[in-house]
Amino acid sequence: MTLFRIEVRRALHRRITWVLVGLALAGVVVAGVVAFTATRGVDPARARAEGQESAAVMAQWWVAGTGDGLLLVAAFLLAMGGLVGGASVVGAEWRAGTVTTLLTWEPRRLRLHAARLAACAVLATVISFALQALFLASFVPAVVAHGTTAGTDGAWWASLVAAMARVSLVTGLAAVVGASLAGLGRNTTAALVAGWGWMAVGENLVRNFLPDLRPFLVGENTGVLLTWAQLDGAGFSRAPAVAVLTLAAYGVALAAAGAARFHRQDVAGA
């Protein structure tokens, strides 16, 4: 736990961590201003009845069992932020050439690797949940001045909090993936290129040429996890629990690969 706390503090002292948080906070402010301005003159009853996505209609912040809801806008950005943040925490160590010094202080590499990944995962998860809360809170003025809270009963609030927890879980997993890829490539850029390349190119190639493998893709399983429901038009069924286990298996596999490389590699010149 001591090593974990140290890694948390070290991650929080990284400039990129606060740059990402700052960008997210700026986005929250912009989202709140745009939502308040854009919802002037909107008929909230009609928007809710027609299922129109409006920040002034609180029930549209999250629609349980579907891929609809303003929360999913934040989900994508937070996952990308988690990937960048996790990659930067590990990649910066290699770029700065301080790995050897760090191992002099803590020579047990696997223990250090585990503590660092755990710190990335926990920080990304906690920060993600806090930013989601601020993101949704920025819409409150629009709801109060121009909208409605109709349909937001206890069940809706429970589903919203559960969705926020799932988004935070995905963000934490993305941070672990980014950190693991950065460890394998020994720099931040390699991790980001690999992560973005697979999601933007690799998975699309699999969808087009090997459609039978779609149930195993990261994008599809992430979609099932976030919505906690079957994907419309996906052509296959995937239980949410299976999607969680699939994503967790990928994360564990990458973490194990990163640990194996870090345990065996020569860091004398790092």
Protein backbone atom coordinates (compact mmCIF):
# COMPACT_ATOMS: atom_id res chain seq x y z
CA MET A 1 0.00 0.00 0.00
CA THR A 2 2.90 2.35 0.68
CA LEU A 3 4.23 1.84 -2.83
CA PHE A 4 0.72 2.28 -4.23
CA ARG A 5 0.31 5.61 -2.40
CA ILE A 6 3.69 6.77 -3.66
CA GLU A 7 2.75 5.90 -7.24
CA VAL A 8 -0.54 7.78 -6.83
CA ARG A 9 1.33 10.89 -5.67
CA ARG A 10 3.85 10.56 -8.48
CA ALA A 11 1.05 10.27 -11.05
CA LEU A 12 -0.65 13.34 -9.58
CA HIS A 13 2.60 15.28 -9.93
CA ARG A 14 2.73 14.59 -13.66
CA ARG A 15 1.94 17.73 -15.60
CA ILE A 16 -0.06 15.79 -18.20
CA THR A 17 -2.48 14.64 -15.48
CA TRP A 18 -3.49 18.18 -14.65
CA VAL A 19 -3.45 19.27 -18.29
CA LEU A 20 -6.01 16.57 -19.06
CA VAL A 21 -8.11 17.50 -16.02
CA GLY A 22 -7.90 21.17 -16.99
CA LEU A 23 -9.05 20.44 -20.53
CA ALA A 24 -11.94 18.39 -19.18
CA LEU A 25 -12.99 21.19 -16.82
CA ALA A 26 -12.85 23.70 -19.67
CA GLY A 27 -15.05 21.36 -21.70
CA VAL A 28 -17.52 21.16 -18.80
CA VAL A 29 -17.80 24.95 -18.67
CA VAL A 30 -18.30 25.19 -22.44
CA ALA A 31 -20.90 22.39 -22.37
CA GLY A 32 -22.85 24.14 -19.64
CA VAL A 33 -22.86 27.49 -21.46
CA VAL A 34 -23.82 25.92 -24.79
CA ALA A 35 -26.58 23.87 -23.16
CA PHE A 36 -28.06 26.91 -21.42
CA THR A 37 -27.97 29.00 -24.59
CA ALA A 38 -29.24 26.30 -26.93
CA THR A 39 -32.23 25.33 -24.79
CA ARG A 40 -33.85 28.74 -24.77
CA GLY A 41 -37.32 28.50 -26.27
CA VAL A 42 -37.31 24.69 -26.26
CA ASP A 43 -40.59 23.06 -25.27
CA PRO A 44 -39.42 20.53 -22.65
CA ALA A 45 -42.67 18.53 -22.67
CA ARG A 46 -42.53 18.09 -26.42
CA ALA A 47 -38.82 17.28 -26.40
CA ARG A 48 -39.37 14.60 -23.77
CA ALA A 49 -42.40 13.15 -25.53
CA GLU A 50 -40.53 12.92 -28.84
CA GLY A 51 -37.36 11.59 -27.25
CA GLN A 52 -35.30 14.55 -28.42
CA GLU A 53 -31.89 14.75 -26.80
CA SER A 54 -31.85 18.01 -24.87
CA ALA A 55 -29.73 18.99 -21.89
CA ALA A 56 -32.76 20.79 -20.44
CA VAL A 57 -34.67 17.51 -20.22
CA MET A 58 -32.98 15.76 -17.30
CA ALA A 59 -34.40 12.36 -18.27
CA GLN A 60 -32.41 12.60 -21.53
CA TRP A 61 -29.11 12.74 -19.68
CA TRP A 62 -29.27 8.95 -19.57
CA VAL A 63 -31.79 6.55 -21.09
CA ALA A 64 -31.34 3.16 -19.45
CA GLY A 65 -30.95 0.16 -21.74
CA THR A 66 -30.15 2.21 -24.84
CA GLY A 67 -27.20 3.93 -26.44
CA ASP A 68 -28.84 7.30 -25.93
CA GLY A 69 -27.98 9.97 -23.42
CA LEU A 70 -25.66 12.93 -23.05
CA LEU A 71 -23.54 10.92 -20.62
CA LEU A 72 -22.17 8.84 -23.51
CA VAL A 73 -20.59 11.98 -24.99
CA ALA A 74 -18.46 12.24 -21.86
CA ALA A 75 -17.80 8.48 -21.87
CA PHE A 76 -15.85 8.53 -25.14
CA LEU A 77 -13.76 11.56 -24.16
CA LEU A 78 -12.99 10.19 -20.72
CA ALA A 79 -11.88 6.84 -22.14
CA MET A 80 -9.51 8.63 -24.49
CA GLY A 81 -8.25 10.74 -21.62
CA GLY A 82 -7.66 7.62 -19.55
CA LEU A 83 -5.64 6.05 -22.37
CA VAL A 84 -3.51 9.18 -22.79
CA GLY A 85 -3.06 9.65 -19.06
CA GLY A 86 -2.04 6.07 -18.37
CA ALA A 87 0.37 6.03 -21.31
CA SER A 88 1.93 9.32 -20.22
CA VAL A 89 2.48 8.25 -16.62
CA VAL A 90 4.57 5.26 -17.72
CA GLY A 91 5.99 6.65 -20.94
CA ALA A 92 7.28 9.80 -19.27
CA GLU A 93 9.42 7.67 -16.96
CA TRP A 94 11.21 6.14 -19.94
CA ARG A 95 11.52 9.47 -21.74
CA ALA A 96 13.01 11.14 -18.67
CA GLY A 97 15.48 8.28 -18.19
CA THR A 98 14.66 7.82 -14.52
CA VAL A 99 13.70 4.13 -14.62
CA THR A 100 17.13 3.00 -13.42
CA THR A 101 17.02 5.43 -10.51
CA LEU A 102 13.55 4.26 -9.58
CA LEU A 103 14.63 0.60 -9.61
CA THR A 104 17.54 1.44 -7.33
CA TRP A 105 15.00 2.57 -4.75
CA GLU A 106 12.48 -0.26 -5.47
CA PRO A 107 14.23 -3.20 -7.22
CA ARG A 108 11.19 -5.53 -7.18
CA ARG A 109 10.01 -4.84 -10.69
CA LEU A 110 6.76 -6.79 -10.69
CA ARG A 111 5.68 -5.15 -7.45
CA LEU A 112 6.48 -1.73 -8.87
CA HIS A 113 4.66 -2.50 -12.12
CA ALA A 114 1.55 -3.69 -10.28
CA ALA A 115 1.52 -0.64 -8.01
CA ARG A 116 1.85 1.72 -10.95
CA LEU A 117 -0.96 0.10 -12.94
CA ALA A 118 -3.17 0.08 -9.84
CA ALA A 119 -2.47 3.77 -9.27
CA CYS A 120 -3.34 4.59 -12.89
CA ALA A 121 -6.56 2.57 -12.71
CA VAL A 122 -7.76 4.01 -9.40
CA LEU A 123 -6.92 7.61 -10.28
CA ALA A 124 -8.54 7.37 -13.70
CA THR A 125 -11.67 5.80 -12.20
CA VAL A 126 -12.07 8.39 -9.44
CA ILE A 127 -11.30 11.37 -11.68
CA SER A 128 -13.70 10.05 -14.32
CA PHE A 129 -16.58 9.81 -11.86
CA ALA A 130 -15.93 13.30 -10.52
CA LEU A 131 -15.75 14.80 -14.02
CA GLN A 132 -19.00 13.08 -15.03
CA ALA A 133 -20.71 14.59 -12.00
CA LEU A 134 -19.44 18.05 -12.94
CA PHE A 135 -20.40 17.51 -16.59
CA LEU A 136 -23.99 16.69 -15.69
CA ALA A 137 -24.11 19.42 -13.04
CA SER A 138 -23.27 21.98 -15.75
CA PHE A 139 -26.69 21.22 -17.29
CA VAL A 140 -28.61 22.01 -14.11
CA PRO A 141 -29.04 25.74 -14.94
CA ALA A 142 -30.57 24.76 -18.30
CA VAL A 143 -32.95 22.35 -16.57
CA VAL A 144 -33.98 24.90 -13.94
CA ALA A 145 -34.45 27.78 -16.39
CA HIS A 146 -35.72 26.04 -19.53
CA GLY A 147 -36.40 22.39 -18.88
CA THR A 148 -38.01 19.69 -16.80
CA THR A 149 -37.11 16.95 -14.34
CA ALA A 150 -40.12 14.80 -15.26
CA GLY A 151 -39.34 11.10 -15.33
CA THR A 152 -36.36 11.30 -12.99
CA ASP A 153 -37.57 9.01 -10.24
CA GLY A 154 -35.50 6.83 -7.93
CA ALA A 155 -35.04 4.12 -10.55
CA TRP A 156 -33.73 6.67 -13.04
CA TRP A 157 -31.20 8.05 -10.56
CA ALA A 158 -30.04 4.53 -9.74
CA SER A 159 -29.54 3.76 -13.44
CA LEU A 160 -27.67 7.06 -13.92
CA VAL A 161 -25.26 6.38 -11.07
CA ALA A 162 -24.73 2.83 -12.34
CA ALA A 163 -23.98 4.18 -15.82
CA MET A 164 -21.49 6.67 -14.35
CA ALA A 165 -19.80 3.82 -12.51
CA ARG A 166 -19.52 1.83 -15.74
CA VAL A 167 -18.05 4.80 -17.59
CA SER A 168 -15.53 5.19 -14.77
CA LEU A 169 -14.68 1.49 -15.04
CA VAL A 170 -14.02 1.84 -18.77
CA THR A 171 -11.84 4.90 -18.11
CA GLY A 172 -9.81 3.00 -15.51
CA LEU A 173 -9.38 0.08 -17.89
CA ALA A 174 -8.28 2.45 -20.66
CA ALA A 175 -5.64 3.88 -18.30
CA VAL A 176 -4.32 0.37 -17.60
CA VAL A 177 -4.18 -0.38 -21.33
CA GLY A 178 -2.35 2.88 -22.03
CA ALA A 179 0.15 2.27 -19.23
CA SER A 180 0.75 -1.32 -20.36
CA LEU A 181 1.28 -0.32 -23.99
CA ALA A 182 3.66 2.45 -22.94
CA GLY A 183 5.65 -0.08 -20.93
CA LEU A 184 5.82 -2.44 -23.89
CA GLY A 185 6.90 0.31 -26.28
CA ARG A 186 8.95 2.25 -23.70
CA ASN A 187 7.35 5.56 -24.67
CA THR A 188 4.03 7.36 -24.75
CA THR A 189 3.81 7.76 -28.51
CA ALA A 190 4.07 4.04 -29.17
CA ALA A 191 1.19 3.39 -26.77
CA LEU A 192 -1.06 6.01 -28.35
CA VAL A 193 -0.29 4.90 -31.90
CA ALA A 194 -0.98 1.27 -31.00
CA GLY A 195 -4.18 2.07 -29.13
CA TRP A 196 -5.62 4.47 -31.69
CA GLY A 197 -4.42 2.34 -34.59
CA TRP A 198 -6.18 -0.76 -33.33
CA MET A 199 -9.44 1.02 -32.52
CA ALA A 200 -9.56 3.10 -35.71
CA VAL A 201 -8.12 0.63 -38.22
CA GLY A 202 -7.68 -2.83 -36.76
CA GLU A 203 -11.19 -3.29 -35.42
CA ASN A 204 -12.78 -1.93 -38.59
CA LEU A 205 -10.81 -4.44 -40.65
CA VAL A 206 -12.01 -7.26 -38.42
CA ARG A 207 -15.63 -6.04 -38.70
CA ASN A 208 -15.43 -6.01 -42.48
CA PHE A 209 -13.46 -9.17 -43.19
CA LEU A 210 -14.00 -11.36 -40.11
CA PRO A 211 -17.52 -10.51 -38.94
CA ASP A 212 -17.75 -13.70 -36.85
CA LEU A 213 -15.18 -12.15 -34.49
CA ARG A 214 -17.25 -9.04 -33.79
CA PRO A 215 -18.43 -10.31 -30.38
CA PHE A 216 -14.79 -10.26 -29.25
CA LEU A 217 -13.95 -6.71 -30.36
CA VAL A 218 -13.17 -4.02 -27.82
CA GLY A 219 -15.63 -1.54 -29.31
CA GLU A 220 -18.58 -3.92 -29.27
CA ASN A 221 -17.89 -5.14 -25.75
CA THR A 222 -17.43 -1.59 -24.51
CA GLY A 223 -20.76 -0.62 -26.05
CA VAL A 224 -22.51 -3.52 -24.30
CA LEU A 225 -20.84 -2.63 -21.01
CA LEU A 226 -21.74 1.06 -21.16
CA THR A 227 -25.38 0.53 -22.13
CA TRP A 228 -25.73 -2.72 -20.15
CA ALA A 229 -27.90 -4.00 -22.99
CA GLN A 230 -27.66 -5.66 -26.38
CA LEU A 231 -26.42 -3.48 -29.24
CA ASP A 232 -29.08 -2.60 -31.80
CA GLY A 233 -28.33 -4.11 -35.21
CA ALA A 234 -25.17 -5.81 -34.01
CA GLY A 235 -26.22 -9.19 -35.38
CA PHE A 236 -25.10 -11.04 -32.25
CA SER A 237 -26.04 -11.28 -28.59
CA ARG A 238 -23.60 -10.53 -25.80
CA ALA A 239 -24.44 -10.67 -22.11
CA PRO A 240 -23.17 -7.57 -20.24
CA ALA A 241 -21.35 -9.76 -17.71
CA VAL A 242 -19.54 -11.54 -20.55
CA ALA A 243 -18.57 -8.17 -22.05
CA VAL A 244 -17.09 -7.12 -18.70
CA LEU A 245 -15.09 -10.34 -18.42
CA THR A 246 -13.88 -10.01 -22.02
CA LEU A 247 -12.59 -6.47 -21.50
CA ALA A 248 -11.06 -7.44 -18.16
CA ALA A 249 -9.26 -10.36 -19.84
CA TYR A 250 -7.79 -8.04 -22.46
CA GLY A 251 -6.64 -5.65 -19.75
CA VAL A 252 -5.07 -8.43 -17.70
CA ALA A 253 -3.34 -9.86 -20.77
CA LEU A 254 -1.78 -6.50 -21.67
CA ALA A 255 -0.79 -5.88 -18.06
CA ALA A 256 0.84 -9.32 -17.89
CA ALA A 257 2.70 -8.73 -21.16
CA GLY A 258 3.94 -5.38 -19.87
CA ALA A 259 5.00 -6.97 -16.59
CA ALA A 260 6.89 -9.75 -18.39
CA ARG A 261 8.77 -7.27 -20.57
CA PHE A 262 9.56 -4.96 -17.66
CA HIS A 263 10.76 -7.91 -15.57
CA ARG A 264 13.20 -9.16 -18.20
CA GLN A 265 14.34 -6.10 -20.12
CA ASP A 266 17.65 -4.32 -19.71
CA VAL A 267 17.04 -0.84 -18.30
CA ALA A 268 20.66 0.16 -17.83
CA GLY A 269 20.40 2.69 -20.67
CA ALA A 270 16.92 3.93 -19.74
